[in-house]
N, C-alpha and C. Protein backbone atom coordinates (compact mmCIF):
# COMPACT_ATOMS: atom_id res chain seq x y z
N UNK A 1 -13.12 4.03 -14.15
CA UNK A 1 -12.67 5.19 -13.52
C UNK A 1 -11.21 5.01 -13.38
N UNK A 2 -10.73 4.14 -13.19
CA UNK A 2 -9.21 3.64 -12.95
C UNK A 2 -8.82 3.74 -11.82
N UNK A 3 -8.02 3.91 -11.26
CA UNK A 3 -7.18 4.01 -9.68
C UNK A 3 -7.24 5.26 -9.34
N UNK A 4 -8.00 5.26 -8.10
CA UNK A 4 -8.04 6.80 -7.58
C UNK A 4 -7.31 6.84 -6.29
N UNK A 5 -6.51 5.96 -5.68
CA UNK A 5 -6.10 6.12 -4.34
C UNK A 5 -4.95 4.69 -4.43
N UNK A 6 -3.89 5.13 -3.57
CA UNK A 6 -2.92 3.85 -3.11
C UNK A 6 -3.79 3.33 -1.96
N UNK A 7 -4.15 1.65 -1.79
CA UNK A 7 -4.12 1.12 -0.72
C UNK A 7 -3.12 0.70 -0.18
N UNK A 8 -3.08 1.16 1.44
CA UNK A 8 -1.75 0.88 2.20
C UNK A 8 -2.17 0.10 3.46
N UNK A 9 -1.97 -1.19 3.33
CA UNK A 9 -2.37 -2.10 4.41
C UNK A 9 -1.23 -2.33 5.38
N UNK A 10 -1.72 -2.00 6.84
CA UNK A 10 -0.55 -1.83 7.87
C UNK A 10 -1.42 -2.43 9.09
N UNK A 11 -0.69 -2.52 10.14
CA UNK A 11 -0.90 -3.12 11.43
C UNK A 11 0.15 -2.17 12.43
N UNK A 12 -0.66 -1.94 13.63
CA UNK A 12 -0.05 -1.19 14.67
C UNK A 12 1.10 -1.96 15.34
N UNK A 13 2.24 -1.20 15.43
CA UNK A 13 3.45 -1.67 15.90
C UNK A 13 4.31 -2.01 14.88
N UNK A 14 3.89 -2.18 13.58
CA UNK A 14 5.00 -2.17 12.86
C UNK A 14 5.95 -1.16 12.25
N UNK A 15 7.26 -1.43 12.37
CA UNK A 15 7.98 -0.20 12.24
C UNK A 15 8.19 -0.05 10.68
N UNK A 16 8.09 -1.00 9.94
CA UNK A 16 8.40 -0.98 8.45
C UNK A 16 6.78 -0.10 7.82
N UNK A 17 5.97 -0.47 8.59
CA UNK A 17 4.85 0.20 8.06
C UNK A 17 4.70 1.99 8.54
N UNK A 18 5.49 2.04 9.32
CA UNK A 18 5.63 3.48 9.98
C UNK A 18 6.38 4.18 9.02
N UNK A 19 7.28 3.84 8.57
CA UNK A 19 8.38 4.28 7.76
C UNK A 19 7.76 4.62 6.36
N UNK A 20 7.24 3.64 6.15
CA UNK A 20 6.38 3.96 4.51
C UNK A 20 5.20 4.94 4.75
N UNK A 21 4.70 4.99 5.80
CA UNK A 21 3.53 5.50 6.11
C UNK A 21 4.07 7.38 5.99
N UNK A 22 5.20 7.38 6.63
CA UNK A 22 5.59 8.70 6.97
C UNK A 22 5.83 9.42 5.33
N UNK A 23 6.65 8.29 4.57
CA UNK A 23 7.07 8.79 3.19
C UNK A 23 5.88 9.03 2.31
N UNK A 24 4.80 7.93 2.66
CA UNK A 24 3.58 8.44 1.70
C UNK A 24 2.90 9.70 2.24
N UNK A 25 2.88 10.03 3.49
CA UNK A 25 2.12 11.25 3.93
C UNK A 25 2.81 12.44 3.50
N UNK A 26 4.27 12.25 3.24
CA UNK A 26 4.95 13.65 2.59
C UNK A 26 4.82 13.41 1.16
N UNK A 27 4.25 12.60 0.27
CA UNK A 27 4.61 12.21 -1.06
C UNK A 27 3.10 12.99 -1.81
N UNK A 28 2.09 13.45 -1.17
CA UNK A 28 0.99 14.22 -1.70
C UNK A 28 0.12 13.15 -2.59
N UNK A 29 0.44 12.09 -2.46
CA UNK A 29 -0.31 10.88 -3.00
C UNK A 29 -1.61 10.43 -2.44
N UNK A 30 -2.48 10.47 -3.07
CA UNK A 30 -3.81 9.79 -2.19
C UNK A 30 -3.69 8.16 -2.09
N UNK A 31 -4.23 7.97 -0.57
CA UNK A 31 -3.90 6.86 0.32
C UNK A 31 -4.92 6.57 1.18
N UNK A 32 -5.17 5.32 0.95
CA UNK A 32 -6.35 4.80 1.97
C UNK A 32 -5.65 3.83 2.69
N UNK A 33 -5.57 4.08 4.03
CA UNK A 33 -4.76 3.40 5.11
C UNK A 33 -5.77 2.20 5.99
N UNK A 34 -5.73 1.01 5.65
CA UNK A 34 -6.19 -0.07 6.24
C UNK A 34 -5.51 -1.07 7.23
N UNK A 35 -5.98 -0.75 8.54
CA UNK A 35 -5.29 -1.67 9.48
C UNK A 35 -6.02 -3.26 9.36
N UNK A 36 -5.10 -4.15 9.13
CA UNK A 36 -5.49 -5.50 8.91
C UNK A 36 -5.75 -6.32 10.04
N UNK A 37 -5.88 -5.59 11.25
CA UNK A 37 -6.26 -6.05 12.21
C UNK A 37 -7.58 -6.02 13.14
N UNK A 38 -7.95 -4.73 12.06
CA UNK A 38 -9.32 -4.18 12.39
C UNK A 38 -10.39 -4.64 11.39
N UNK A 39 -10.04 -5.24 10.10
CA UNK A 39 -10.44 -5.46 8.81
C UNK A 39 -9.96 -6.90 8.40
N UNK A 40 -10.89 -7.86 8.97
CA UNK A 40 -10.49 -9.67 8.65
C UNK A 40 -10.40 -9.55 7.33
N UNK A 41 -11.31 -8.66 6.26
CA UNK A 41 -11.18 -8.97 4.54
C UNK A 41 -9.78 -8.30 4.28
N UNK A 42 -9.38 -7.58 5.02
CA UNK A 42 -8.11 -6.86 4.71
C UNK A 42 -6.94 -7.87 4.75
N UNK A 43 -6.94 -8.42 5.96
CA UNK A 43 -5.82 -9.44 6.20
C UNK A 43 -5.88 -10.32 5.22
N UNK A 44 -7.38 -10.90 4.83
CA UNK A 44 -7.39 -12.06 3.78
C UNK A 44 -6.79 -11.67 2.67
N UNK A 45 -7.04 -10.14 2.09
CA UNK A 45 -6.41 -9.70 0.88
C UNK A 45 -4.95 -9.58 0.96
N UNK A 46 -4.05 -9.19 2.24
CA UNK A 46 -2.92 -9.37 2.26
C UNK A 46 -2.16 -10.59 2.07
N UNK A 47 -2.84 -11.78 2.68
CA UNK A 47 -2.42 -13.12 2.58
C UNK A 47 -2.43 -13.55 1.32
N UNK A 48 -3.28 -13.30 0.69
CA UNK A 48 -3.54 -13.61 -1.12
C UNK A 48 -2.77 -13.36 -1.88
N UNK A 49 -1.68 -12.15 -1.39
CA UNK A 49 -0.72 -11.57 -2.19
C UNK A 49 0.81 -12.07 -1.62
N UNK A 50 0.64 -12.52 -0.35
CA UNK A 50 1.91 -12.41 0.54
C UNK A 50 2.13 -13.87 0.94
N UNK A 51 2.19 -15.03 -0.15
CA UNK A 51 2.33 -16.52 0.37
C UNK A 51 1.45 -17.08 1.57
N UNK A 52 0.33 -16.46 1.80
CA UNK A 52 -0.33 -16.93 3.00
C UNK A 52 -0.08 -16.20 4.42
N UNK A 53 0.91 -15.10 4.20
CA UNK A 53 1.11 -14.46 5.43
C UNK A 53 0.53 -13.01 5.50
N UNK A 54 0.57 -12.42 6.75
CA UNK A 54 -0.17 -11.06 6.77
C UNK A 54 1.05 -10.22 6.82
N UNK A 55 2.02 -10.10 5.81
CA UNK A 55 3.22 -9.23 5.71
C UNK A 55 2.64 -7.74 5.86
N UNK A 56 3.04 -7.22 6.18
CA UNK A 56 2.72 -5.57 6.38
C UNK A 56 4.21 -4.77 6.09
N UNK A 57 4.17 -3.73 5.76
CA UNK A 57 3.07 -3.23 4.76
C UNK A 57 2.86 -3.82 3.56
N UNK A 58 1.66 -3.90 3.09
CA UNK A 58 1.40 -4.28 1.83
C UNK A 58 0.44 -3.44 1.09
N UNK A 59 0.88 -2.73 -0.18
CA UNK A 59 0.19 -1.74 -0.80
C UNK A 59 -0.19 -1.99 -2.27
N UNK A 60 -1.47 -1.73 -2.46
CA UNK A 60 -2.03 -2.18 -4.04
C UNK A 60 -2.42 -0.70 -4.49
N UNK A 61 -1.77 -1.07 -5.97
CA UNK A 61 -1.97 0.07 -7.05
C UNK A 61 -2.96 -0.65 -8.13
N UNK A 62 -4.39 -0.22 -7.62
CA UNK A 62 -5.15 -1.14 -8.59
C UNK A 62 -5.08 -2.66 -7.99
N UNK A 63 -4.90 -3.57 -9.11
CA UNK A 63 -4.97 -4.80 -8.64
C UNK A 63 -3.31 -5.30 -8.48
N UNK A 64 -2.51 -4.21 -8.74
CA UNK A 64 -0.96 -4.71 -8.36
C UNK A 64 -0.60 -4.44 -7.14
N UNK A 65 -0.10 -5.68 -6.44
CA UNK A 65 0.59 -5.36 -5.20
C UNK A 65 1.59 -5.29 -4.71
N UNK A 66 2.47 -4.92 -3.93
CA UNK A 66 3.65 -4.51 -3.57
C UNK A 66 3.95 -5.16 -1.90
N UNK A 67 4.63 -6.12 -1.51
CA UNK A 67 4.84 -6.65 -0.01
C UNK A 67 6.07 -6.07 0.42
N UNK A 68 5.93 -5.19 1.36
CA UNK A 68 7.16 -4.43 2.00
C UNK A 68 7.93 -3.54 1.17
N UNK A 69 7.13 -2.89 0.20
CA UNK A 69 7.91 -2.09 -0.70
C UNK A 69 8.64 -1.13 -0.33
N UNK A 70 9.64 -0.85 -0.98
CA UNK A 70 10.53 0.78 -0.67
C UNK A 70 9.63 1.80 -1.26
N UNK A 71 9.94 3.10 -1.02
CA UNK A 71 9.20 4.17 -1.55
C UNK A 71 9.43 4.27 -3.25
N UNK A 72 10.50 3.70 -3.35
CA UNK A 72 11.11 3.93 -4.97
C UNK A 72 10.33 2.65 -5.58
N UNK A 73 10.06 1.63 -5.12
CA UNK A 73 9.68 0.78 -5.62
C UNK A 73 7.89 1.05 -5.97
N UNK A 74 7.24 1.49 -4.77
CA UNK A 74 5.95 2.06 -4.71
C UNK A 74 5.73 3.22 -5.74
N UNK A 75 6.58 4.28 -5.94
CA UNK A 75 6.47 5.27 -6.75
C UNK A 75 6.61 4.82 -8.22
N UNK A 76 7.43 3.80 -8.68
CA UNK A 76 7.56 3.22 -9.92
C UNK A 76 6.29 2.34 -10.40
N UNK A 77 5.61 1.38 -9.47
CA UNK A 77 4.49 0.98 -9.58
C UNK A 77 3.30 2.03 -10.16
N UNK A 78 3.41 3.03 -9.22
CA UNK A 78 2.33 4.04 -9.37
C UNK A 78 2.75 4.64 -10.65
N UNK A 79 3.96 5.07 -11.17
CA UNK A 79 4.43 5.33 -12.49
C UNK A 79 3.60 4.61 -13.62
N UNK A 80 3.78 3.41 -13.65
CA UNK A 80 3.32 2.41 -14.54
C UNK A 80 2.06 2.23 -14.64
N UNK A 81 1.09 2.10 -13.26
CA UNK A 81 -0.06 1.69 -13.44
C UNK A 81 -1.11 2.98 -13.11
N UNK A 82 -0.64 4.00 -12.47
CA UNK A 82 -1.70 4.86 -12.36
C UNK A 82 -0.76 6.49 -12.34
N UNK A 83 -0.12 6.84 -13.48
CA UNK A 83 0.70 7.94 -13.37
C UNK A 83 -0.04 9.21 -13.07
N UNK A 84 -1.34 9.32 -13.56
CA UNK A 84 -2.35 10.53 -13.11
C UNK A 84 -2.33 10.87 -11.68
N UNK A 85 -1.81 9.91 -10.61
CA UNK A 85 -1.66 9.82 -9.29
C UNK A 85 -0.46 10.93 -8.81
N UNK A 86 0.50 10.66 -9.44
CA UNK A 86 1.55 11.44 -9.51
C UNK A 86 1.42 13.00 -9.75
N UNK A 87 0.26 13.45 -10.89
CA UNK A 87 0.25 14.69 -11.14
C UNK A 87 -0.61 15.67 -10.13
N UNK A 88 -0.75 15.10 -9.30
CA UNK A 88 -1.87 15.85 -8.12
C UNK A 88 -0.72 16.73 -7.03
């Protein structure tokens, strides 16, 4: 079926997370937000792509991850990996 949403990994108190979340909320893109402090598997997934660190925000588009991306970087990845999400 392909990519149906952007996975947005965050934690409370993270200013970078809040900034990107506001931009995502305004984008109209389908997003599933995952708090890494509430879901141990989520923290492990972030560590797997962030050199063992729990660096957030980390965003997945399918199997492709971006650690602390700008909205521009995220939109470029969505355009390359899941352009159908931009059409909604």
